[in-house]
Amino acid sequence: MASSSETESLCCVPSIGQESLLGTEAEALAARFKALADPNRLRILSIVSTSPEAETCVCDLSEPLDLGQPTVSHHLKILVEAGLLNREKRGVWAYYSLVPGALESLAAILTPKPQP
C-alpha cells in the first residue's frame, strides 16, 4: 500500500498521455475565446457561416445586427485579428469568410481526449 506522501505526490501529476497547454498557447487561445465573448461577434460568425455563398459582405451586416457600420467594422477587425475570419477587399466592399478549421480547432481544445 502506498504511503500518504507517495499518494500526495502522484495526485497532482497529469496522467500519461495528457498534455497541458503551454503559456503561449493559452494566451493565443484566450485571445480567440475573448473575441468570441461578445454577442454581436457571435452573431457575425453565425451570419457568415450560414451564408449560402460561405461569405458575407460588410454591407449586409449592419441591418441584421442593428449596429452602425463603424461598430460592425470594429467587431469584424477583432474577429480577423483573432484568426476566425478572412477579409477580402473587392472594390469598395470587404467580404468576410470563416478561416477554414478555425472553429473546429477551438472545439477540439474543449473536447475531452479519450483515455488510453
PDB file of N, CA and C in Angstrom:
ATOM      1  N   MET A   1       0.849  -1.180   0.000  1.00  0.00           N
ATOM      2  CA  MET A   1       0.000   0.000   0.000  1.00  0.00           C
ATOM      3  C   MET A   1       0.890   1.237   0.000  1.00  0.00           C
ATOM      4  N   ALA A   2       0.513   2.247  -0.812  1.00  0.00           N
ATOM      5  CA  ALA A   2       1.325   3.455  -0.932  1.00  0.00           C
ATOM      6  C   ALA A   2       1.155   4.319   0.298  1.00  0.00           C
ATOM      7  N   SER A   3       2.254   4.938   0.707  1.00  0.00           N
ATOM      8  CA  SER A   3       2.187   5.846   1.848  1.00  0.00           C
ATOM      9  C   SER A   3       1.458   7.116   1.423  1.00  0.00           C
ATOM     10  N   SER A   4       1.022   7.886   2.411  1.00  0.00           N
ATOM     11  CA  SER A   4       0.275   9.094   2.099  1.00  0.00           C
ATOM     12  C   SER A   4       1.135  10.091   1.344  1.00  0.00           C
ATOM     13  N   SER A   5       2.437  10.176   1.598  1.00  0.00           N
ATOM     14  CA  SER A   5       3.296  11.110   0.867  1.00  0.00           C
ATOM     15  C   SER A   5       3.440  10.679  -0.594  1.00  0.00           C
ATOM     16  N   GLU A   6       3.477   9.359  -0.876  1.00  0.00           N
ATOM     17  CA  GLU A   6       3.543   8.881  -2.256  1.00  0.00           C
ATOM     18  C   GLU A   6       2.245   9.188  -2.990  1.00  0.00           C
ATOM     19  N   THR A   7       1.115   9.015  -2.333  1.00  0.00           N
ATOM     20  CA  THR A   7      -0.186   9.292  -2.931  1.00  0.00           C
ATOM     21  C   THR A   7      -0.319  10.777  -3.222  1.00  0.00           C
ATOM     22  N   GLU A   8       0.100  11.622  -2.290  1.00  0.00           N
ATOM     23  CA  GLU A   8       0.011  13.062  -2.487  1.00  0.00           C
ATOM     24  C   GLU A   8       0.882  13.506  -3.652  1.00  0.00           C
ATOM     25  N   SER A   9       2.066  12.927  -3.794  1.00  0.00           N
ATOM     26  CA  SER A   9       2.943  13.355  -4.875  1.00  0.00           C
ATOM     27  C   SER A   9       2.413  12.901  -6.236  1.00  0.00           C
ATOM     28  N   LEU A  10       1.641  11.833  -6.302  1.00  0.00           N
ATOM     29  CA  LEU A  10       1.097  11.344  -7.557  1.00  0.00           C
ATOM     30  C   LEU A  10      -0.220  12.014  -7.938  1.00  0.00           C
ATOM     31  N   CYS A  11      -0.924  12.565  -6.982  1.00  0.00           N
ATOM     32  CA  CYS A  11      -2.260  13.083  -7.269  1.00  0.00           C
ATOM     33  C   CYS A  11      -2.229  14.326  -8.155  1.00  0.00           C
ATOM     34  N   CYS A  12      -1.163  15.039  -8.174  1.00  0.00           N
ATOM     35  CA  CYS A  12      -1.110  16.272  -8.952  1.00  0.00           C
ATOM     36  C   CYS A  12      -0.356  16.119 -10.261  1.00  0.00           C
ATOM     37  N   VAL A  13       0.084  14.940 -10.578  1.00  0.00           N
ATOM     38  CA  VAL A  13       0.819  14.690 -11.815  1.00  0.00           C
ATOM     39  C   VAL A  13      -0.184  14.280 -12.888  1.00  0.00           C
ATOM     40  N   PRO A  14      -0.146  14.967 -14.066  1.00  0.00           N
ATOM     41  CA  PRO A  14      -1.077  14.570 -15.129  1.00  0.00           C
ATOM     42  C   PRO A  14      -0.848  13.115 -15.530  1.00  0.00           C
ATOM     43  N   SER A  15      -1.929  12.464 -15.918  1.00  0.00           N
ATOM     44  CA  SER A  15      -1.828  11.087 -16.385  1.00  0.00           C
ATOM     45  C   SER A  15      -0.991  11.037 -17.640  1.00  0.00           C
ATOM     46  N   ILE A  16      -0.353   9.907 -17.863  1.00  0.00           N
ATOM     47  CA  ILE A  16       0.428   9.730 -19.076  1.00  0.00           C
ATOM     48  C   ILE A  16      -0.503   9.886 -20.271  1.00  0.00           C
ATOM     49  N   GLY A  17      -0.036  10.612 -21.282  1.00  0.00           N
ATOM     50  CA  GLY A  17      -0.851  10.822 -22.476  1.00  0.00           C
ATOM     51  C   GLY A  17      -1.603  12.141 -22.452  1.00  0.00           C
ATOM     52  N   GLN A  18      -1.736  12.771 -21.305  1.00  0.00           N
ATOM     53  CA  GLN A  18      -2.415  14.057 -21.240  1.00  0.00           C
ATOM     54  C   GLN A  18      -1.382  15.164 -21.366  1.00  0.00           C
ATOM     55  N   GLU A  19      -1.670  16.138 -22.211  1.00  0.00           N
ATOM     56  CA  GLU A  19      -0.783  17.267 -22.370  1.00  0.00           C
ATOM     57  C   GLU A  19      -1.521  18.519 -21.946  1.00  0.00           C
ATOM     58  N   SER A  20      -0.841  19.365 -21.219  1.00  0.00           N
ATOM     59  CA  SER A  20      -1.444  20.629 -20.841  1.00  0.00           C
ATOM     60  C   SER A  20      -0.942  21.713 -21.783  1.00  0.00           C
ATOM     61  N   LEU A  21      -1.629  22.824 -21.810  1.00  0.00           N
ATOM     62  CA  LEU A  21      -1.265  23.929 -22.682  1.00  0.00           C
ATOM     63  C   LEU A  21      -0.020  24.636 -22.175  1.00  0.00           C
ATOM     64  N   LEU A  22       0.803  25.060 -23.091  1.00  0.00           N
ATOM     65  CA  LEU A  22       1.924  25.918 -22.750  1.00  0.00           C
ATOM     66  C   LEU A  22       1.383  27.331 -22.545  1.00  0.00           C
ATOM     67  N   GLY A  23       2.141  28.166 -21.878  1.00  0.00           N
ATOM     68  CA  GLY A  23       1.698  29.537 -21.620  1.00  0.00           C
ATOM     69  C   GLY A  23       1.371  30.308 -22.880  1.00  0.00           C
ATOM     70  N   THR A  24       2.215  30.185 -23.894  1.00  0.00           N
ATOM     71  CA  THR A  24       1.970  30.915 -25.143  1.00  0.00           C
ATOM     72  C   THR A  24       0.722  30.395 -25.860  1.00  0.00           C
ATOM     73  N   GLU A  25       0.501  29.089 -25.798  1.00  0.00           N
ATOM     74  CA  GLU A  25      -0.702  28.511 -26.406  1.00  0.00           C
ATOM     75  C   GLU A  25      -1.950  29.006 -25.684  1.00  0.00           C
ATOM     76  N   ALA A  26      -1.876  29.048 -24.364  1.00  0.00           N
ATOM     77  CA  ALA A  26      -3.020  29.506 -23.573  1.00  0.00           C
ATOM     78  C   ALA A  26      -3.340  30.970 -23.870  1.00  0.00           C
ATOM     79  N   GLU A  27      -2.308  31.789 -24.039  1.00  0.00           N
ATOM     80  CA  GLU A  27      -2.535  33.206 -24.351  1.00  0.00           C
ATOM     81  C   GLU A  27      -3.206  33.371 -25.713  1.00  0.00           C
ATOM     82  N   ALA A  28      -2.738  32.614 -26.700  1.00  0.00           N
ATOM     83  CA  ALA A  28      -3.335  32.695 -28.038  1.00  0.00           C
ATOM     84  C   ALA A  28      -4.790  32.226 -28.017  1.00  0.00           C
ATOM     85  N   LEU A  29      -5.042  31.145 -27.303  1.00  0.00           N
ATOM     86  CA  LEU A  29      -6.416  30.644 -27.202  1.00  0.00           C
ATOM     87  C   LEU A  29      -7.314  31.620 -26.462  1.00  0.00           C
ATOM     88  N   ALA A  30      -6.793  32.218 -25.404  1.00  0.00           N
ATOM     89  CA  ALA A  30      -7.583  33.188 -24.640  1.00  0.00           C
ATOM     90  C   ALA A  30      -7.992  34.366 -25.519  1.00  0.00           C
ATOM     91  N   ALA A  31      -7.091  34.805 -26.392  1.00  0.00           N
ATOM     92  CA  ALA A  31      -7.417  35.904 -27.300  1.00  0.00           C
ATOM     93  C   ALA A  31      -8.537  35.503 -28.254  1.00  0.00           C
ATOM     94  N   ARG A  32      -8.504  34.260 -28.729  1.00  0.00           N
ATOM     95  CA  ARG A  32      -9.553  33.798 -29.638  1.00  0.00           C
ATOM     96  C   ARG A  32     -10.888  33.667 -28.912  1.00  0.00           C
ATOM     97  N   PHE A  33     -10.846  33.113 -27.703  1.00  0.00           N
ATOM     98  CA  PHE A  33     -12.095  32.994 -26.942  1.00  0.00           C
ATOM     99  C   PHE A  33     -12.619  34.367 -26.522  1.00  0.00           C
ATOM    100  N   LYS A  34     -11.728  35.301 -26.236  1.00  0.00           N
ATOM    101  CA  LYS A  34     -12.157  36.657 -25.890  1.00  0.00           C
ATOM    102  C   LYS A  34     -12.883  37.284 -27.077  1.00  0.00           C
ATOM    103  N   ALA A  35     -12.382  37.017 -28.283  1.00  0.00           N
ATOM    104  CA  ALA A  35     -13.046  37.533 -29.479  1.00  0.00           C
ATOM    105  C   ALA A  35     -14.461  36.965 -29.610  1.00  0.00           C
ATOM    106  N   LEU A  36     -14.653  35.748 -29.133  1.00  0.00           N
ATOM    107  CA  LEU A  36     -15.968  35.112 -29.202  1.00  0.00           C
ATOM    108  C   LEU A  36     -16.897  35.531 -28.059  1.00  0.00           C
ATOM    109  N   ALA A  37     -16.349  36.200 -27.069  1.00  0.00           N
ATOM    110  CA  ALA A  37     -17.111  36.513 -25.858  1.00  0.00           C
ATOM    111  C   ALA A  37     -17.956  37.774 -26.001  1.00  0.00           C
ATOM    112  N   ASP A  38     -18.491  37.991 -27.164  1.00  0.00           N
ATOM    113  CA  ASP A  38     -19.354  39.141 -27.408  1.00  0.00           C
ATOM    114  C   ASP A  38     -20.539  38.669 -28.260  1.00  0.00           C
ATOM    115  N   PRO A  39     -21.752  38.982 -27.837  1.00  0.00           N
ATOM    116  CA  PRO A  39     -22.928  38.505 -28.588  1.00  0.00           C
ATOM    117  C   PRO A  39     -22.950  38.962 -30.046  1.00  0.00           C
ATOM    118  N   ASN A  40     -22.524  40.187 -30.312  1.00  0.00           N
ATOM    119  CA  ASN A  40     -22.526  40.671 -31.695  1.00  0.00           C
ATOM    120  C   ASN A  40     -21.523  39.913 -32.556  1.00  0.00           C
ATOM    121  N   ARG A  41     -20.360  39.595 -31.999  1.00  0.00           N
ATOM    122  CA  ARG A  41     -19.366  38.847 -32.770  1.00  0.00           C
ATOM    123  C   ARG A  41     -19.829  37.410 -33.003  1.00  0.00           C
ATOM    124  N   LEU A  42     -20.520  36.833 -32.042  1.00  0.00           N
ATOM    125  CA  LEU A  42     -21.092  35.505 -32.254  1.00  0.00           C
ATOM    126  C   LEU A  42     -22.147  35.541 -33.354  1.00  0.00           C
ATOM    127  N   ARG A  43     -22.938  36.587 -33.367  1.00  0.00           N
ATOM    128  CA  ARG A  43     -23.958  36.725 -34.419  1.00  0.00           C
ATOM    129  C   ARG A  43     -23.306  36.911 -35.783  1.00  0.00           C
ATOM    130  N   ILE A  44     -22.214  37.677 -35.835  1.00  0.00           N
ATOM    131  CA  ILE A  44     -21.493  37.853 -37.100  1.00  0.00           C
ATOM    132  C   ILE A  44     -21.000  36.501 -37.604  1.00  0.00           C
ATOM    133  N   LEU A  45     -20.379  35.722 -36.727  1.00  0.00           N
ATOM    134  CA  LEU A  45     -19.912  34.392 -37.135  1.00  0.00           C
ATOM    135  C   LEU A  45     -21.062  33.526 -37.616  1.00  0.00           C
ATOM    136  N   SER A  46     -22.196  33.619 -36.961  1.00  0.00           N
ATOM    137  CA  SER A  46     -23.366  32.847 -37.356  1.00  0.00           C
ATOM    138  C   SER A  46     -23.856  33.276 -38.736  1.00  0.00           C
ATOM    139  N   ILE A  47     -23.925  34.566 -38.976  1.00  0.00           N
ATOM    140  CA  ILE A  47     -24.378  35.074 -40.274  1.00  0.00           C
ATOM    141  C   ILE A  47     -23.425  34.634 -41.383  1.00  0.00           C
ATOM    142  N   VAL A  48     -22.132  34.797 -41.141  1.00  0.00           N
ATOM    143  CA  VAL A  48     -21.142  34.429 -42.160  1.00  0.00           C
ATOM    144  C   VAL A  48     -21.164  32.922 -42.416  1.00  0.00           C
ATOM    145  N   SER A  49     -21.222  32.141 -41.344  1.00  0.00           N
ATOM    146  CA  SER A  49     -21.144  30.682 -41.509  1.00  0.00           C
ATOM    147  C   SER A  49     -22.395  30.087 -42.145  1.00  0.00           C
ATOM    148  N   THR A  50     -23.535  30.746 -42.044  1.00  0.00           N
ATOM    149  CA  THR A  50     -24.772  30.220 -42.635  1.00  0.00           C
ATOM    150  C   THR A  50     -25.081  30.840 -43.983  1.00  0.00           C
ATOM    151  N   SER A  51     -24.228  31.719 -44.460  1.00  0.00           N
ATOM    152  CA  SER A  51     -24.436  32.339 -45.762  1.00  0.00           C
ATOM    153  C   SER A  51     -24.313  31.285 -46.860  1.00  0.00           C
ATOM    154  N   PRO A  52     -25.245  31.270 -47.809  1.00  0.00           N
ATOM    155  CA  PRO A  52     -25.170  30.289 -48.895  1.00  0.00           C
ATOM    156  C   PRO A  52     -23.877  30.404 -49.707  1.00  0.00           C
ATOM    157  N   GLU A  53     -23.313  31.602 -49.785  1.00  0.00           N
ATOM    158  CA  GLU A  53     -22.080  31.820 -50.542  1.00  0.00           C
ATOM    159  C   GLU A  53     -20.834  31.555 -49.707  1.00  0.00           C
ATOM    160  N   ALA A  54     -20.995  31.225 -48.423  1.00  0.00           N
ATOM    161  CA  ALA A  54     -19.904  30.995 -47.475  1.00  0.00           C
ATOM    162  C   ALA A  54     -19.079  32.258 -47.249  1.00  0.00           C
ATOM    163  N   GLU A  55     -19.674  33.404 -47.532  1.00  0.00           N
ATOM    164  CA  GLU A  55     -19.048  34.696 -47.265  1.00  0.00           C
ATOM    165  C   GLU A  55     -20.150  35.744 -47.162  1.00  0.00           C
ATOM    166  N   THR A  56     -19.810  36.860 -46.530  1.00  0.00           N
ATOM    167  CA  THR A  56     -20.782  37.929 -46.349  1.00  0.00           C
ATOM    168  C   THR A  56     -20.098  39.266 -46.568  1.00  0.00           C
ATOM    169  N   CYS A  57     -20.764  40.149 -47.288  1.00  0.00           N
ATOM    170  CA  CYS A  57     -20.270  41.498 -47.499  1.00  0.00           C
ATOM    171  C   CYS A  57     -20.524  42.312 -46.232  1.00  0.00           C
ATOM    172  N   VAL A  58     -19.586  43.169 -45.900  1.00  0.00           N
ATOM    173  CA  VAL A  58     -19.746  44.030 -44.735  1.00  0.00           C
ATOM    174  C   VAL A  58     -21.043  44.835 -44.837  1.00  0.00           C
ATOM    175  N   CYS A  59     -21.444  45.159 -46.055  1.00  0.00           N
ATOM    176  CA  CYS A  59     -22.657  45.954 -46.265  1.00  0.00           C
ATOM    177  C   CYS A  59     -23.924  45.217 -45.845  1.00  0.00           C
ATOM    178  N   ASP A  60     -23.837  43.907 -45.691  1.00  0.00           N
ATOM    179  CA  ASP A  60     -25.009  43.111 -45.328  1.00  0.00           C
ATOM    180  C   ASP A  60     -25.090  42.789 -43.834  1.00  0.00           C
ATOM    181  N   LEU A  61     -24.236  43.397 -43.025  1.00  0.00           N
ATOM    182  CA  LEU A  61     -24.217  43.046 -41.601  1.00  0.00           C
ATOM    183  C   LEU A  61     -24.859  44.088 -40.691  1.00  0.00           C
ATOM    184  N   SER A  62     -24.845  45.350 -41.063  1.00  0.00           N
ATOM    185  CA  SER A  62     -25.373  46.397 -40.180  1.00  0.00           C
ATOM    186  C   SER A  62     -26.844  46.206 -39.853  1.00  0.00           C
ATOM    187  N   GLU A  63     -27.651  45.924 -40.868  1.00  0.00           N
ATOM    188  CA  GLU A  63     -29.092  45.806 -40.641  1.00  0.00           C
ATOM    189  C   GLU A  63     -29.465  44.640 -39.727  1.00  0.00           C
ATOM    190  N   PRO A  64     -29.024  43.403 -40.000  1.00  0.00           N
ATOM    191  CA  PRO A  64     -29.438  42.310 -39.109  1.00  0.00           C
ATOM    192  C   PRO A  64     -28.904  42.449 -37.687  1.00  0.00           C
ATOM    193  N   LEU A  65     -27.761  43.134 -37.536  1.00  0.00           N
ATOM    194  CA  LEU A  65     -27.195  43.317 -36.193  1.00  0.00           C
ATOM    195  C   LEU A  65     -27.751  44.552 -35.496  1.00  0.00           C
ATOM    196  N   ASP A  66     -28.423  45.427 -36.265  1.00  0.00           N
ATOM    197  CA  ASP A  66     -28.927  46.707 -35.756  1.00  0.00           C
ATOM    198  C   ASP A  66     -27.787  47.521 -35.128  1.00  0.00           C
ATOM    199  N   LEU A  67     -26.666  47.558 -35.871  1.00  0.00           N
ATOM    200  CA  LEU A  67     -25.485  48.303 -35.433  1.00  0.00           C
ATOM    201  C   LEU A  67     -25.024  49.212 -36.563  1.00  0.00           C
ATOM    202  N   GLY A  68     -24.360  50.286 -36.200  1.00  0.00           N
ATOM    203  CA  GLY A  68     -23.782  51.169 -37.204  1.00  0.00           C
ATOM    204  C   GLY A  68     -22.579  50.517 -37.874  1.00  0.00           C
ATOM    205  N   GLN A  69     -22.245  51.019 -39.071  1.00  0.00           N
ATOM    206  CA  GLN A  69     -21.143  50.456 -39.830  1.00  0.00           C
ATOM    207  C   GLN A  69     -19.815  50.524 -39.080  1.00  0.00           C
ATOM    208  N   PRO A  70     -19.482  51.621 -38.368  1.00  0.00           N
ATOM    209  CA  PRO A  70     -18.210  51.639 -37.635  1.00  0.00           C
ATOM    210  C   PRO A  70     -18.134  50.558 -36.545  1.00  0.00           C
ATOM    211  N   THR A  71     -19.245  50.284 -35.879  1.00  0.00           N
ATOM    212  CA  THR A  71     -19.268  49.253 -34.834  1.00  0.00           C
ATOM    213  C   THR A  71     -19.107  47.867 -35.445  1.00  0.00           C
ATOM    214  N   VAL A  72     -19.791  47.626 -36.562  1.00  0.00           N
ATOM    215  CA  VAL A  72     -19.659  46.342 -37.251  1.00  0.00           C
ATOM    216  C   VAL A  72     -18.211  46.147 -37.690  1.00  0.00           C
ATOM    217  N   SER A  73     -17.604  47.184 -38.252  1.00  0.00           N
ATOM    218  CA  SER A  73     -16.207  47.089 -38.693  1.00  0.00           C
ATOM    219  C   SER A  73     -15.270  46.796 -37.529  1.00  0.00           C
ATOM    220  N   HIS A  74     -15.540  47.381 -36.382  1.00  0.00           N
ATOM    221  CA  HIS A  74     -14.729  47.116 -35.188  1.00  0.00           C
ATOM    222  C   HIS A  74     -14.804  45.636 -34.808  1.00  0.00           C
ATOM    223  N   HIS A  75     -16.008  45.094 -34.776  1.00  0.00           N
ATOM    224  CA  HIS A  75     -16.177  43.677 -34.429  1.00  0.00           C
ATOM    225  C   HIS A  75     -15.509  42.768 -35.461  1.00  0.00           C
ATOM    226  N   LEU A  76     -15.642  43.121 -36.733  1.00  0.00           N
ATOM    227  CA  LEU A  76     -15.015  42.326 -37.782  1.00  0.00           C
ATOM    228  C   LEU A  76     -13.492  42.336 -37.654  1.00  0.00           C
ATOM    229  N   LYS A  77     -12.941  43.486 -37.332  1.00  0.00           N
ATOM    230  CA  LYS A  77     -11.493  43.600 -37.158  1.00  0.00           C
ATOM    231  C   LYS A  77     -11.006  42.663 -36.051  1.00  0.00           C
ATOM    232  N   ILE A  78     -11.731  42.608 -34.948  1.00  0.00           N
ATOM    233  CA  ILE A  78     -11.365  41.732 -33.832  1.00  0.00           C
ATOM    234  C   ILE A  78     -11.414  40.270 -34.267  1.00  0.00           C
ATOM    235  N   LEU A  79     -12.436  39.892 -35.023  1.00  0.00           N
ATOM    236  CA  LEU A  79     -12.569  38.505 -35.478  1.00  0.00           C
ATOM    237  C   LEU A  79     -11.475  38.135 -36.485  1.00  0.00           C
ATOM    238  N   VAL A  80     -11.083  39.077 -37.323  1.00  0.00           N
ATOM    239  CA  VAL A  80      -9.993  38.824 -38.274  1.00  0.00           C
ATOM    240  C   VAL A  80      -8.677  38.682 -37.511  1.00  0.00           C
ATOM    241  N   GLU A  81      -8.408  39.594 -36.568  1.00  0.00           N
ATOM    242  CA  GLU A  81      -7.166  39.543 -35.793  1.00  0.00           C
ATOM    243  C   GLU A  81      -7.069  38.271 -34.948  1.00  0.00           C
ATOM    244  N   ALA A  82      -8.215  37.739 -34.541  1.00  0.00           N
ATOM    245  CA  ALA A  82      -8.233  36.502 -33.751  1.00  0.00           C
ATOM    246  C   ALA A  82      -8.064  35.264 -34.631  1.00  0.00           C
ATOM    247  N   GLY A  83      -8.035  35.450 -35.934  1.00  0.00           N
ATOM    248  CA  GLY A  83      -7.847  34.317 -36.834  1.00  0.00           C
ATOM    249  C   GLY A  83      -9.109  33.517 -37.100  1.00  0.00           C
ATOM    250  N   LEU A  84     -10.268  34.143 -36.881  1.00  0.00           N
ATOM    251  CA  LEU A  84     -11.537  33.441 -37.081  1.00  0.00           C
ATOM    252  C   LEU A  84     -12.178  33.757 -38.433  1.00  0.00           C
ATOM    253  N   LEU A  85     -11.925  34.961 -38.950  1.00  0.00           N
ATOM    254  CA  LEU A  85     -12.482  35.371 -40.241  1.00  0.00           C
ATOM    255  C   LEU A  85     -11.366  35.807 -41.185  1.00  0.00           C
ATOM    256  N   ASN A  86     -11.595  35.560 -42.473  1.00  0.00           N
ATOM    257  CA  ASN A  86     -10.753  36.103 -43.540  1.00  0.00           C
ATOM    258  C   ASN A  86     -11.444  37.339 -44.087  1.00  0.00           C
ATOM    259  N   ARG A  87     -10.655  38.303 -44.553  1.00  0.00           N
ATOM    260  CA  ARG A  87     -11.192  39.516 -45.168  1.00  0.00           C
ATOM    261  C   ARG A  87     -10.637  39.624 -46.582  1.00  0.00           C
ATOM    262  N   GLU A  88     -11.541  39.837 -47.542  1.00  0.00           N
ATOM    263  CA  GLU A  88     -11.126  40.030 -48.930  1.00  0.00           C
ATOM    264  C   GLU A  88     -11.757  41.308 -49.451  1.00  0.00           C
ATOM    265  N   LYS A  89     -10.929  42.239 -49.867  1.00  0.00           N
ATOM    266  CA  LYS A  89     -11.404  43.525 -50.391  1.00  0.00           C
ATOM    267  C   LYS A  89     -11.721  43.362 -51.874  1.00  0.00           C
ATOM    268  N   ARG A  90     -12.940  43.790 -52.268  1.00  0.00           N
ATOM    269  CA  ARG A  90     -13.359  43.776 -53.675  1.00  0.00           C
ATOM    270  C   ARG A  90     -13.978  45.133 -53.994  1.00  0.00           C
ATOM    271  N   GLY A  91     -13.239  45.932 -54.697  1.00  0.00           N
ATOM    272  CA  GLY A  91     -13.719  47.287 -54.979  1.00  0.00           C
ATOM    273  C   GLY A  91     -13.816  48.069 -53.688  1.00  0.00           C
ATOM    274  N   VAL A  92     -14.991  48.638 -53.435  1.00  0.00           N
ATOM    275  CA  VAL A  92     -15.175  49.426 -52.211  1.00  0.00           C
ATOM    276  C   VAL A  92     -15.644  48.573 -51.032  1.00  0.00           C
ATOM    277  N   TRP A  93     -16.001  47.309 -51.279  1.00  0.00           N
ATOM    278  CA  TRP A  93     -16.554  46.459 -50.235  1.00  0.00           C
ATOM    279  C   TRP A  93     -15.558  45.408 -49.766  1.00  0.00           C
ATOM    280  N   ALA A  94     -15.731  44.986 -48.524  1.00  0.00           N
ATOM    281  CA  ALA A  94     -14.943  43.884 -47.974  1.00  0.00           C
ATOM    282  C   ALA A  94     -15.883  42.711 -47.741  1.00  0.00           C
ATOM    283  N   TYR A  95     -15.406  41.520 -48.075  1.00  0.00           N
ATOM    284  CA  TYR A  95     -16.171  40.296 -47.883  1.00  0.00           C
ATOM    285  C   TYR A  95     -15.463  39.437 -46.839  1.00  0.00           C
ATOM    286  N   TYR A  96     -16.253  38.820 -45.992  1.00  0.00           N
ATOM    287  CA  TYR A  96     -15.707  38.035 -44.886  1.00  0.00           C
ATOM    288  C   TYR A  96     -16.150  36.584 -45.002  1.00  0.00           C
ATOM    289  N   SER A  97     -15.210  35.695 -44.699  1.00  0.00           N
ATOM    290  CA  SER A  97     -15.496  34.260 -44.684  1.00  0.00           C
ATOM    291  C   SER A  97     -14.777  33.644 -43.489  1.00  0.00           C
ATOM    292  N   LEU A  98     -15.257  32.479 -43.080  1.00  0.00           N
ATOM    293  CA  LEU A  98     -14.619  31.779 -41.964  1.00  0.00           C
ATOM    294  C   LEU A  98     -13.253  31.261 -42.374  1.00  0.00           C
ATOM    295  N   VAL A  99     -12.294  31.343 -41.467  1.00  0.00           N
ATOM    296  CA  VAL A  99     -10.997  30.712 -41.694  1.00  0.00           C
ATOM    297  C   VAL A  99     -11.236  29.207 -41.596  1.00  0.00           C
ATOM    298  N   PRO A 100     -10.863  28.453 -42.640  1.00  0.00           N
ATOM    299  CA  PRO A 100     -11.104  27.007 -42.595  1.00  0.00           C
ATOM    300  C   PRO A 100     -10.469  26.359 -41.364  1.00  0.00           C
ATOM    301  N   GLY A 101     -11.278  25.618 -40.628  1.00  0.00           N
ATOM    302  CA  GLY A 101     -10.801  24.880 -39.459  1.00  0.00           C
ATOM    303  C   GLY A 101     -10.659  25.687 -38.178  1.00  0.00           C
ATOM    304  N   ALA A 102     -10.883  26.997 -38.223  1.00  0.00           N
ATOM    305  CA  ALA A 102     -10.674  27.826 -37.027  1.00  0.00           C
ATOM    306  C   ALA A 102     -11.618  27.439 -35.892  1.00  0.00           C
ATOM    307  N   LEU A 103     -12.893  27.288 -36.188  1.00  0.00           N
ATOM    308  CA  LEU A 103     -13.855  26.943 -35.138  1.00  0.00           C
ATOM    309  C   LEU A 103     -13.682  25.498 -34.687  1.00  0.00           C
ATOM    310  N   GLU A 104     -13.347  24.627 -35.627  1.00  0.00           N
ATOM    311  CA  GLU A 104     -13.130  23.221 -35.277  1.00  0.00           C
ATOM    312  C   GLU A 104     -11.917  23.069 -34.349  1.00  0.00           C
ATOM    313  N   SER A 105     -10.884  23.874 -34.576  1.00  0.00           N
ATOM    314  CA  SER A 105      -9.709  23.773 -33.708  1.00  0.00           C
ATOM    315  C   SER A 105     -10.029  24.240 -32.291  1.00  0.00           C
ATOM    316  N   LEU A 106     -10.891  25.239 -32.164  1.00  0.00           N
ATOM    317  CA  LEU A 106     -11.307  25.672 -30.824  1.00  0.00           C
ATOM    318  C   LEU A 106     -12.158  24.594 -30.161  1.00  0.00           C
ATOM    319  N   ALA A 107     -13.035  23.983 -30.919  1.00  0.00           N
ATOM    320  CA  ALA A 107     -13.869  22.912 -30.369  1.00  0.00           C
ATOM    321  C   ALA A 107     -13.006  21.740 -29.934  1.00  0.00           C
ATOM    322  N   ALA A 108     -11.966  21.436 -30.699  1.00  0.00           N
ATOM    323  CA  ALA A 108     -11.091  20.310 -30.362  1.00  0.00           C
ATOM    324  C   ALA A 108     -10.386  20.536 -29.031  1.00  0.00           C
ATOM    325  N   ILE A 109     -10.043  21.765 -28.728  1.00  0.00           N
ATOM    326  CA  ILE A 109      -9.388  22.081 -27.449  1.00  0.00           C
ATOM    327  C   ILE A 109     -10.326  21.771 -26.290  1.00  0.00           C
ATOM    328  N   LEU A 110     -11.616  22.009 -26.500  1.00  0.00           N
ATOM    329  CA  LEU A 110     -12.601  21.809 -25.436  1.00  0.00           C
ATOM    330  C   LEU A 110     -13.135  20.392 -25.351  1.00  0.00           C
ATOM    331  N   THR A 111     -12.806  19.570 -26.334  1.00  0.00           N
ATOM    332  CA  THR A 111     -13.295  18.193 -26.356  1.00  0.00           C
ATOM    333  C   THR A 111     -12.364  17.293 -25.566  1.00  0.00           C
ATOM    334  N   PRO A 112     -12.878  16.594 -24.552  1.00  0.00           N
ATOM    335  CA  PRO A 112     -12.008  15.707 -23.773  1.00  0.00           C
ATOM    336  C   PRO A 112     -11.417  14.605 -24.657  1.00  0.00           C
ATOM    337  N   LYS A 113     -10.170  14.346 -24.445  1.00  0.00           N
ATOM    338  CA  LYS A 113      -9.482  13.286 -25.181  1.00  0.00           C
ATOM    339  C   LYS A 113      -9.762  11.950 -24.526  1.00  0.00           C
ATOM    340  N   PRO A 114     -10.006  10.894 -25.317  1.00  0.00           N
ATOM    341  CA  PRO A 114     -10.238   9.582 -24.725  1.00  0.00           C
ATOM    342  C   PRO A 114      -8.980   9.112 -23.984  1.00  0.00           C
ATOM    343  N   GLN A 115      -9.199   8.501 -22.856  1.00  0.00           N
ATOM    344  CA  GLN A 115      -8.082   7.973 -22.066  1.00  0.00           C
ATOM    345  C   GLN A 115      -7.660   6.617 -22.621  1.00  0.00           C
ATOM    346  N   PRO A 116      -6.349   6.371 -22.683  1.00  0.00           N
ATOM    347  CA  PRO A 116      -5.874   5.091 -23.219  1.00  0.00           C
ATOM    348  C   PRO A 116      -6.213   3.933 -22.310  1.00  0.00           C
TER     349      PRO A 116
END
